[in-house]
Amino acid sequence: MTTRAATPPPTAPPRSPGAPPRVLAVAGSDPSGGAGVQADLKSIAAADGYGMAALTALTAQNTCGVRDVHVPPPEFLAAQLEALSDDVAIDAVKIGMLAGADVAAVLDAWLRRIPATVPVVLDPVMIATSGDRLLDAAGETAVRGLLSRCDVVTPNLPELAVLLGEPTARDWQAAVGQGVRLAARARLHVVVKGGHLPGDRVPDALVGPDGTVREVEGRRVDTPHTHGTGCSLSAGLATRFVREGDWYRALAGTKAWLTAALAAGADLGVGQGHGPVDHFAAVRTAVHDGGTAPVGGGWQPARAGAGVPG
């Protein structure tokens, strides 16, 4: 089927004060709803944003694993991106699974054309929790090349090591050191995540390009329902930054929200493997308590002290 290019409409107006941030997720899909753009859209909504999605890949997966991946022609990703940016003023971009170097090249070209003021968060989906590499060498090189187009990168510890070409950090001090080196080399902020390390203490850190390290403390949630946590964190971070204007406050708020979502994941009863987090745990509590008012760029329960604010 042939299509005729539409005439681009006039430039979209900027976001009005108090309106939801318009956040674009560029990532693959997860039909089980726990990761990929499905998790991104839930995370954006949980932070009181308006989510949009441009698909890079289609997966056949569930909570037990990935069975197949289909990557549409890169030209179709370009068409999605152009259609959106011709019509919508995008307030932030979250990047997830890119599936290959040719897909990354399309995204790189598009990022060069959008305003430099649009914050971009990259979740470099390169290595699965199982340790499996998700990209070939060319794809990994392409993801490294995207760092110069981004404001923040949120790798897990194996991905942080790959981005630097170093062994995976085995303790928090080594992980933060890698974050400092990557932030200085790529001239962006790095979120170092402690979830892959042993122990009950699970800190995260925001590392600035000047070497500044600001930690966000956390305690481990004992649950197998962790599917899509990396996707959710990065999408929530991008959305909250639009409101906060500060990466550290956006990270602290996102971590608090995600901790509550992890703790509530088991109650969803989704799947027989590593189930998803409950992105709307606080919303559900609020509805059950009889109130649904969004507060401060995220949802809070109406009853004082119930749940964790966004």
Foldseek 3Di string as FASTA:
>chain_A
DDDDDDDQDPQDDDDDPPAAAEEEEEWADDVLQFATVSLLCLLSVQLVHHYDYQHQKYFDDFQVGTDDIGGPPLVSSLVVLCVDNSHDDHQEYEYEDNQALSNLVSVLVSLVPHDLNRAYEYAYPAADPVGDGRYDPNRLVSVLVCLLSHAEYEYEQVNLCSSVVHDGDADDVVQLVSQQVSCLVSVHWYWYWQPVYDDQKTKIWIAHNVGDIDIATDTDQPALQDRHVSRSQRSQQSRLCSVVVDSVVSNNQSVQQVVLQRNCQVVVVRDDHRHHGRSCPQQVQQVVVPHWDQDDSRTHHPDPPPGTTD
